[in-house]
PDB file of all heavy atoms in Angstrom:
ATOM      1  N   ASN A   1       0.840  -1.161   0.006  1.00  0.00           N
ATOM      2  CA  ASN A   1      -0.027   0.004   0.015  1.00  0.00           C
ATOM      3  C   ASN A   1       0.925   1.224   0.004  1.00  0.00           C
ATOM      4  O   ASN A   1       1.679   1.411   0.947  1.00  0.00           O
ATOM      5  CB  ASN A   1      -0.908  -0.003   1.255  1.00  0.00           C
ATOM      6  CG  ASN A   1      -1.801   1.173   1.363  1.00  0.00           C
ATOM      7  OD1 ASN A   1      -1.364   2.316   1.207  1.00  0.00           O
ATOM      8  ND2 ASN A   1      -3.050   0.918   1.625  1.00  0.00           N
ATOM      9  N   ALA A   2       0.872   2.011  -1.080  1.00  0.00           N
ATOM     10  CA  ALA A   2       1.801   3.115  -1.218  1.00  0.00           C
ATOM     11  C   ALA A   2       1.640   4.234  -0.190  1.00  0.00           C
ATOM     12  O   ALA A   2       2.579   4.885   0.193  1.00  0.00           O
ATOM     13  CB  ALA A   2       1.736   3.654  -2.609  1.00  0.00           C
ATOM     14  N   SER A   3       0.408   4.447   0.228  1.00  0.00           N
ATOM     15  CA  SER A   3       0.155   5.574   1.154  1.00  0.00           C
ATOM     16  C   SER A   3       0.468   5.214   2.608  1.00  0.00           C
ATOM     17  O   SER A   3       0.809   6.061   3.389  1.00  0.00           O
ATOM     18  CB  SER A   3      -1.296   6.040   1.023  1.00  0.00           C
ATOM     19  OG  SER A   3      -2.171   5.059   1.417  1.00  0.00           O
ATOM     20  N   MET A   4       0.404   3.903   2.941  1.00  0.00           N
ATOM     21  CA  MET A   4       0.607   3.511   4.318  1.00  0.00           C
ATOM     22  C   MET A   4       1.889   2.751   4.551  1.00  0.00           C
ATOM     23  O   MET A   4       2.349   2.554   5.643  1.00  0.00           O
ATOM     24  CB  MET A   4      -0.559   2.587   4.792  1.00  0.00           C
ATOM     25  CG  MET A   4      -1.912   3.128   4.434  1.00  0.00           C
ATOM     26  SD  MET A   4      -2.945   3.770   5.695  1.00  0.00           S
ATOM     27  CE  MET A   4      -2.763   2.840   7.103  1.00  0.00           C
ATOM     28  N   GLY A   5       2.537   2.312   3.419  1.00  0.00           N
ATOM     29  CA  GLY A   5       3.765   1.548   3.536  1.00  0.00           C
ATOM     30  C   GLY A   5       3.596   0.164   4.088  1.00  0.00           C
ATOM     31  O   GLY A   5       4.538  -0.469   4.504  1.00  0.00           O
ATOM     32  N   GLN A   6       2.360  -0.342   3.982  1.00  0.00           N
ATOM     33  CA  GLN A   6       2.112  -1.684   4.527  1.00  0.00           C
ATOM     34  C   GLN A   6       2.017  -2.706   3.419  1.00  0.00           C
ATOM     35  O   GLN A   6       1.502  -2.467   2.324  1.00  0.00           O
ATOM     36  CB  GLN A   6       0.720  -1.712   5.287  1.00  0.00           C
ATOM     37  CG  GLN A   6       0.748  -0.873   6.521  1.00  0.00           C
ATOM     38  CD  GLN A   6      -0.667  -0.762   7.134  1.00  0.00           C
ATOM     39  OE1 GLN A   6      -1.669  -0.766   6.467  1.00  0.00           O
ATOM     40  NE2 GLN A   6      -0.676  -0.693   8.440  1.00  0.00           N
ATOM     41  N   GLU A   7       2.589  -3.904   3.739  1.00  0.00           N
ATOM     42  CA  GLU A   7       2.526  -5.008   2.747  1.00  0.00           C
ATOM     43  C   GLU A   7       1.111  -5.519   2.610  1.00  0.00           C
ATOM     44  O   GLU A   7       0.419  -5.735   3.620  1.00  0.00           O
ATOM     45  CB  GLU A   7       3.425  -6.142   3.262  1.00  0.00           C
ATOM     46  CG  GLU A   7       3.451  -7.328   2.321  1.00  0.00           C
ATOM     47  CD  GLU A   7       4.324  -8.473   2.828  1.00  0.00           C
ATOM     48  OE1 GLU A   7       5.198  -8.230   3.675  1.00  0.00           O
ATOM     49  OE2 GLU A   7       4.053  -9.586   2.408  1.00  0.00           O
ATOM     50  N   ARG A   8       0.662  -5.631   1.354  1.00  0.00           N
ATOM     51  CA  ARG A   8      -0.686  -6.155   1.087  1.00  0.00           C
ATOM     52  C   ARG A   8      -0.630  -7.633   0.723  1.00  0.00           C
ATOM     53  O   ARG A   8      -1.481  -8.392   1.210  1.00  0.00           O
ATOM     54  CB  ARG A   8      -1.305  -5.424  -0.118  1.00  0.00           C
ATOM     55  CG  ARG A   8      -1.857  -4.064   0.143  1.00  0.00           C
ATOM     56  CD  ARG A   8      -2.582  -3.464  -1.067  1.00  0.00           C
ATOM     57  NE  ARG A   8      -3.258  -4.439  -1.783  1.00  0.00           N
ATOM     58  CZ  ARG A   8      -3.185  -4.632  -3.148  1.00  0.00           C
ATOM     59  NH1 ARG A   8      -2.416  -3.911  -3.890  1.00  0.00           N
ATOM     60  NH2 ARG A   8      -3.912  -5.544  -3.741  1.00  0.00           N
ATOM     61  N   LEU A   9       0.307  -8.044  -0.089  1.00  0.00           N
ATOM     62  CA  LEU A   9       0.353  -9.404  -0.620  1.00  0.00           C
ATOM     63  C   LEU A   9       1.767  -9.831  -0.863  1.00  0.00           C
ATOM     64  O   LEU A   9       2.601  -8.970  -1.246  1.00  0.00           O
ATOM     65  CB  LEU A   9      -0.435  -9.527  -1.926  1.00  0.00           C
ATOM     66  CG  LEU A   9      -1.918  -9.320  -1.933  1.00  0.00           C
ATOM     67  CD1 LEU A   9      -2.429  -9.145  -3.352  1.00  0.00           C
ATOM     68  CD2 LEU A   9      -2.624 -10.469  -1.244  1.00  0.00           C
ATOM     69  N   THR A  10       2.062 -11.082  -0.743  1.00  0.00           N
ATOM     70  CA  THR A  10       3.316 -11.701  -1.219  1.00  0.00           C
ATOM     71  C   THR A  10       2.955 -12.695  -2.305  1.00  0.00           C
ATOM     72  O   THR A  10       2.134 -13.576  -2.061  1.00  0.00           O
ATOM     73  CB  THR A  10       4.087 -12.351  -0.079  1.00  0.00           C
ATOM     74  OG1 THR A  10       4.439 -11.386   0.891  1.00  0.00           O
ATOM     75  CG2 THR A  10       5.360 -12.971  -0.602  1.00  0.00           C
ATOM     76  N   LEU A  11       3.563 -12.536  -3.458  1.00  0.00           N
ATOM     77  CA  LEU A  11       3.305 -13.435  -4.618  1.00  0.00           C
ATOM     78  C   LEU A  11       4.489 -14.393  -4.737  1.00  0.00           C
ATOM     79  O   LEU A  11       5.620 -13.975  -4.803  1.00  0.00           O
ATOM     80  CB  LEU A  11       3.139 -12.584  -5.891  1.00  0.00           C
ATOM     81  CG  LEU A  11       2.172 -11.420  -5.779  1.00  0.00           C
ATOM     82  CD1 LEU A  11       2.193 -10.624  -7.078  1.00  0.00           C
ATOM     83  CD2 LEU A  11       0.779 -11.891  -5.436  1.00  0.00           C
ATOM     84  N   ARG A  12       4.114 -15.673  -4.874  1.00  0.00           N
ATOM     85  CA  ARG A  12       5.162 -16.713  -5.005  1.00  0.00           C
ATOM     86  C   ARG A  12       4.775 -17.589  -6.216  1.00  0.00           C
ATOM     87  O   ARG A  12       3.635 -17.874  -6.475  1.00  0.00           O
ATOM     88  CB  ARG A  12       5.177 -17.579  -3.747  1.00  0.00           C
ATOM     89  CG  ARG A  12       5.694 -16.898  -2.509  1.00  0.00           C
ATOM     90  CD  ARG A  12       5.707 -17.855  -1.316  1.00  0.00           C
ATOM     91  NE  ARG A  12       6.318 -17.224  -0.148  1.00  0.00           N
ATOM     92  CZ  ARG A  12       5.713 -16.395   0.672  1.00  0.00           C
ATOM     93  NH1 ARG A  12       4.442 -16.088   0.512  1.00  0.00           N
ATOM     94  NH2 ARG A  12       6.351 -15.899   1.676  1.00  0.00           N
ATOM     95  N   GLY A  13       5.806 -18.036  -6.906  1.00  0.00           N
ATOM     96  CA  GLY A  13       5.585 -18.902  -8.050  1.00  0.00           C
ATOM     97  C   GLY A  13       6.794 -19.042  -8.985  1.00  0.00           C
ATOM     98  O   GLY A  13       6.980 -19.992  -9.684  1.00  0.00           O
ATOM     99  N   HIS A  14       7.689 -18.032  -8.932  1.00  0.00           N
ATOM    100  CA  HIS A  14       8.862 -18.080  -9.787  1.00  0.00           C
ATOM    101  C   HIS A  14       9.860 -19.049  -9.136  1.00  0.00           C
ATOM    102  O   HIS A  14       9.958 -19.172  -7.910  1.00  0.00           O
ATOM    103  CB  HIS A  14       9.528 -16.693  -9.927  1.00  0.00           C
ATOM    104  CG  HIS A  14       8.890 -15.862 -10.957  1.00  0.00           C
ATOM    105  ND1 HIS A  14       8.929 -16.197 -12.329  1.00  0.00           N
ATOM    106  CD2 HIS A  14       8.151 -14.698 -10.885  1.00  0.00           C
ATOM    107  CE1 HIS A  14       8.303 -15.243 -12.979  1.00  0.00           C
ATOM    108  NE2 HIS A  14       7.811 -14.325 -12.167  1.00  0.00           N
ATOM    109  N   GLY A  15      10.640 -19.740  -9.972  1.00  0.00           N
ATOM    110  CA  GLY A  15      11.668 -20.656  -9.512  1.00  0.00           C
ATOM    111  C   GLY A  15      13.058 -20.026  -9.473  1.00  0.00           C
ATOM    112  O   GLY A  15      14.038 -20.726  -9.216  1.00  0.00           O
ATOM    113  N   GLY A  16      13.128 -18.726  -9.652  1.00  0.00           N
ATOM    114  CA  GLY A  16      14.396 -18.030  -9.594  1.00  0.00           C
ATOM    115  C   GLY A  16      14.208 -16.608  -9.179  1.00  0.00           C
ATOM    116  O   GLY A  16      13.086 -16.172  -8.899  1.00  0.00           O
ATOM    117  N   VAL A  17      15.309 -15.880  -9.139  1.00  0.00           N
ATOM    118  CA  VAL A  17      15.321 -14.436  -8.765  1.00  0.00           C
ATOM    119  C   VAL A  17      14.284 -13.754  -9.662  1.00  0.00           C
ATOM    120  O   VAL A  17      14.251 -14.011 -10.846  1.00  0.00           O
ATOM    121  CB  VAL A  17      16.709 -13.848  -8.987  1.00  0.00           C
ATOM    122  CG1 VAL A  17      16.658 -12.348  -8.820  1.00  0.00           C
ATOM    123  CG2 VAL A  17      17.712 -14.479  -8.071  1.00  0.00           C
ATOM    124  N   VAL A  18      13.490 -12.858  -9.094  1.00  0.00           N
ATOM    125  CA  VAL A  18      12.560 -12.071  -9.880  1.00  0.00           C
ATOM    126  C   VAL A  18      13.314 -10.755 -10.250  1.00  0.00           C
ATOM    127  O   VAL A  18      13.713 -10.030  -9.390  1.00  0.00           O
ATOM    128  CB  VAL A  18      11.275 -11.746  -9.111  1.00  0.00           C
ATOM    129  CG1 VAL A  18      10.316 -10.973  -9.986  1.00  0.00           C
ATOM    130  CG2 VAL A  18      10.632 -13.062  -8.667  1.00  0.00           C
ATOM    131  N   SER A  19      13.453 -10.557 -11.541  1.00  0.00           N
ATOM    132  CA  SER A  19      14.319  -9.508 -12.035  1.00  0.00           C
ATOM    133  C   SER A  19      13.635  -8.275 -12.716  1.00  0.00           C
ATOM    134  O   SER A  19      14.276  -7.364 -13.099  1.00  0.00           O
ATOM    135  CB  SER A  19      15.367 -10.080 -12.977  1.00  0.00           C
ATOM    136  OG  SER A  19      14.741 -10.903 -13.948  1.00  0.00           O
ATOM    137  N   SER A  20      12.302  -8.393 -12.891  1.00  0.00           N
ATOM    138  CA  SER A  20      11.585  -7.288 -13.543  1.00  0.00           C
ATOM    139  C   SER A  20      10.133  -7.345 -13.135  1.00  0.00           C
ATOM    140  O   SER A  20       9.542  -8.393 -12.955  1.00  0.00           O
ATOM    141  CB  SER A  20      11.754  -7.346 -15.082  1.00  0.00           C
ATOM    142  OG  SER A  20      11.395  -8.588 -15.553  1.00  0.00           O
ATOM    143  N   VAL A  21       9.551  -6.108 -13.050  1.00  0.00           N
ATOM    144  CA  VAL A  21       8.115  -5.962 -12.739  1.00  0.00           C
ATOM    145  C   VAL A  21       7.538  -4.839 -13.551  1.00  0.00           C
ATOM    146  O   VAL A  21       8.223  -3.839 -13.842  1.00  0.00           O
ATOM    147  CB  VAL A  21       7.840  -5.693 -11.236  1.00  0.00           C
ATOM    148  CG1 VAL A  21       8.216  -6.876 -10.380  1.00  0.00           C
ATOM    149  CG2 VAL A  21       8.501  -4.457 -10.744  1.00  0.00           C
ATOM    150  N   ALA A  22       6.246  -4.985 -13.917  1.00  0.00           N
ATOM    151  CA  ALA A  22       5.558  -3.905 -14.689  1.00  0.00           C
ATOM    152  C   ALA A  22       4.062  -4.037 -14.433  1.00  0.00           C
ATOM    153  O   ALA A  22       3.534  -5.137 -14.431  1.00  0.00           O
ATOM    154  CB  ALA A  22       5.889  -3.969 -16.176  1.00  0.00           C
ATOM    155  N   PHE A  23       3.400  -2.881 -14.223  1.00  0.00           N
ATOM    156  CA  PHE A  23       1.964  -2.858 -14.109  1.00  0.00           C
ATOM    157  C   PHE A  23       1.353  -2.516 -15.469  1.00  0.00           C
ATOM    158  O   PHE A  23       1.890  -1.722 -16.235  1.00  0.00           O
ATOM    159  CB  PHE A  23       1.561  -1.744 -13.116  1.00  0.00           C
ATOM    160  CG  PHE A  23       1.772  -2.094 -11.661  1.00  0.00           C
ATOM    161  CD1 PHE A  23       2.916  -1.694 -11.051  1.00  0.00           C
ATOM    162  CD2 PHE A  23       0.801  -2.751 -10.969  1.00  0.00           C
ATOM    163  CE1 PHE A  23       3.132  -1.957  -9.700  1.00  0.00           C
ATOM    164  CE2 PHE A  23       1.008  -3.050  -9.611  1.00  0.00           C
ATOM    165  CZ  PHE A  23       2.186  -2.644  -8.990  1.00  0.00           C
ATOM    166  N   ALA A  24       0.161  -3.065 -15.719  1.00  0.00           N
ATOM    167  CA  ALA A  24      -0.604  -2.706 -16.915  1.00  0.00           C
ATOM    168  C   ALA A  24      -1.398  -1.436 -16.638  1.00  0.00           C
ATOM    169  O   ALA A  24      -1.939  -1.303 -15.576  1.00  0.00           O
ATOM    170  CB  ALA A  24      -1.541  -3.853 -17.341  1.00  0.00           C
ATOM    171  N   GLN A  25      -1.495  -0.567 -17.616  1.00  0.00           N
ATOM    172  CA  GLN A  25      -2.267   0.656 -17.501  1.00  0.00           C
ATOM    173  C   GLN A  25      -3.778   0.298 -17.563  1.00  0.00           C
ATOM    174  O   GLN A  25      -4.219  -0.314 -18.505  1.00  0.00           O
ATOM    175  CB  GLN A  25      -1.898   1.610 -18.656  1.00  0.00           C
ATOM    176  CG  GLN A  25      -2.599   2.910 -18.693  1.00  0.00           C
ATOM    177  CD  GLN A  25      -2.129   3.821 -17.545  1.00  0.00           C
ATOM    178  OE1 GLN A  25      -0.915   3.847 -17.198  1.00  0.00           O
ATOM    179  NE2 GLN A  25      -3.040   4.603 -16.996  1.00  0.00           N
ATOM    180  N   GLY A  26      -4.483   0.728 -16.518  1.00  0.00           N
ATOM    181  CA  GLY A  26      -5.941   0.510 -16.526  1.00  0.00           C
ATOM    182  C   GLY A  26      -6.389  -0.941 -16.433  1.00  0.00           C
ATOM    183  O   GLY A  26      -7.545  -1.258 -16.720  1.00  0.00           O
ATOM    184  N   GLN A  27      -5.495  -1.840 -16.043  1.00  0.00           N
ATOM    185  CA  GLN A  27      -5.821  -3.247 -15.969  1.00  0.00           C
ATOM    186  C   GLN A  27      -5.493  -3.796 -14.560  1.00  0.00           C
ATOM    187  O   GLN A  27      -4.699  -3.113 -13.834  1.00  0.00           O
ATOM    188  CB  GLN A  27      -5.057  -4.075 -16.984  1.00  0.00           C
ATOM    189  CG  GLN A  27      -5.220  -3.634 -18.413  1.00  0.00           C
ATOM    190  CD  GLN A  27      -6.485  -4.097 -19.035  1.00  0.00           C
ATOM    191  OE1 GLN A  27      -6.998  -5.141 -18.715  1.00  0.00           O
ATOM    192  NE2 GLN A  27      -7.072  -3.277 -19.903  1.00  0.00           N
ATOM    193  N   ASP A  28      -5.948  -4.974 -14.222  1.00  0.00           N
ATOM    194  CA  ASP A  28      -5.685  -5.581 -12.938  1.00  0.00           C
ATOM    195  C   ASP A  28      -4.446  -6.535 -13.031  1.00  0.00           C
ATOM    196  O   ASP A  28      -4.420  -7.598 -12.483  1.00  0.00           O
ATOM    197  CB  ASP A  28      -6.890  -6.385 -12.464  1.00  0.00           C
ATOM    198  CG  ASP A  28      -6.725  -6.981 -11.073  1.00  0.00           C
ATOM    199  OD1 ASP A  28      -6.136  -6.356 -10.205  1.00  0.00           O
ATOM    200  OD2 ASP A  28      -7.135  -8.165 -10.921  1.00  0.00           O
ATOM    201  N   TRP A  29      -3.453  -6.147 -13.845  1.00  0.00           N
ATOM    202  CA  TRP A  29      -2.317  -7.023 -14.117  1.00  0.00           C
ATOM    203  C   TRP A  29      -0.970  -6.508 -13.672  1.00  0.00           C
ATOM    204  O   TRP A  29      -0.699  -5.332 -13.873  1.00  0.00           O
ATOM    205  CB  TRP A  29      -2.225  -7.407 -15.609  1.00  0.00           C
ATOM    206  CG  TRP A  29      -3.316  -8.232 -16.100  1.00  0.00           C
ATOM    207  CD1 TRP A  29      -4.278  -7.836 -16.989  1.00  0.00           C
ATOM    208  CD2 TRP A  29      -3.572  -9.613 -15.787  1.00  0.00           C
ATOM    209  NE1 TRP A  29      -5.121  -8.943 -17.238  1.00  0.00           N
ATOM    210  CE2 TRP A  29      -4.698 -10.025 -16.505  1.00  0.00           C
ATOM    211  CE3 TRP A  29      -2.928 -10.542 -14.964  1.00  0.00           C
ATOM    212  CZ2 TRP A  29      -5.197 -11.287 -16.452  1.00  0.00           C
ATOM    213  CZ3 TRP A  29      -3.442 -11.819 -14.905  1.00  0.00           C
ATOM    214  CH2 TRP A  29      -4.562 -12.209 -15.645  1.00  0.00           C
ATOM    215  N   LEU A  30      -0.160  -7.397 -13.152  1.00  0.00           N
ATOM    216  CA  LEU A  30       1.250  -7.138 -12.904  1.00  0.00           C
ATOM    217  C   LEU A  30       1.992  -8.232 -13.644  1.00  0.00           C
ATOM    218  O   LEU A  30       1.587  -9.418 -13.595  1.00  0.00           O
ATOM    219  CB  LEU A  30       1.553  -7.244 -11.406  1.00  0.00           C
ATOM    220  CG  LEU A  30       3.040  -7.141 -11.038  1.00  0.00           C
ATOM    221  CD1 LEU A  30       3.497  -5.680 -11.125  1.00  0.00           C
ATOM    222  CD2 LEU A  30       3.264  -7.655  -9.646  1.00  0.00           C
ATOM    223  N   ALA A  31       3.016  -7.879 -14.382  1.00  0.00           N
ATOM    224  CA  ALA A  31       3.905  -8.858 -15.046  1.00  0.00           C
ATOM    225  C   ALA A  31       5.209  -8.873 -14.337  1.00  0.00           C
ATOM    226  O   ALA A  31       5.724  -7.861 -13.915  1.00  0.00           O
ATOM    227  CB  ALA A  31       4.069  -8.496 -16.513  1.00  0.00           C
ATOM    228  N   THR A  32       5.805 -10.103 -14.207  1.00  0.00           N
ATOM    229  CA  THR A  32       7.090 -10.259 -13.568  1.00  0.00           C
ATOM    230  C   THR A  32       7.939 -11.187 -14.460  1.00  0.00           C
ATOM    231  O   THR A  32       7.443 -12.182 -15.006  1.00  0.00           O
ATOM    232  CB  THR A  32       6.970 -10.895 -12.160  1.00  0.00           C
ATOM    233  OG1 THR A  32       6.288 -12.132 -12.235  1.00  0.00           O
ATOM    234  CG2 THR A  32       6.231  -9.941 -11.224  1.00  0.00           C
TER     235      THR A  32
END
């Protein structure tokens, strides 16, 4: 949560270091 600095969720599923993140404009998607 950007305004409170509190963790909302932890996402797990990658089998290696996560090296990139991007949000979609106007969508409910994050790509890693």
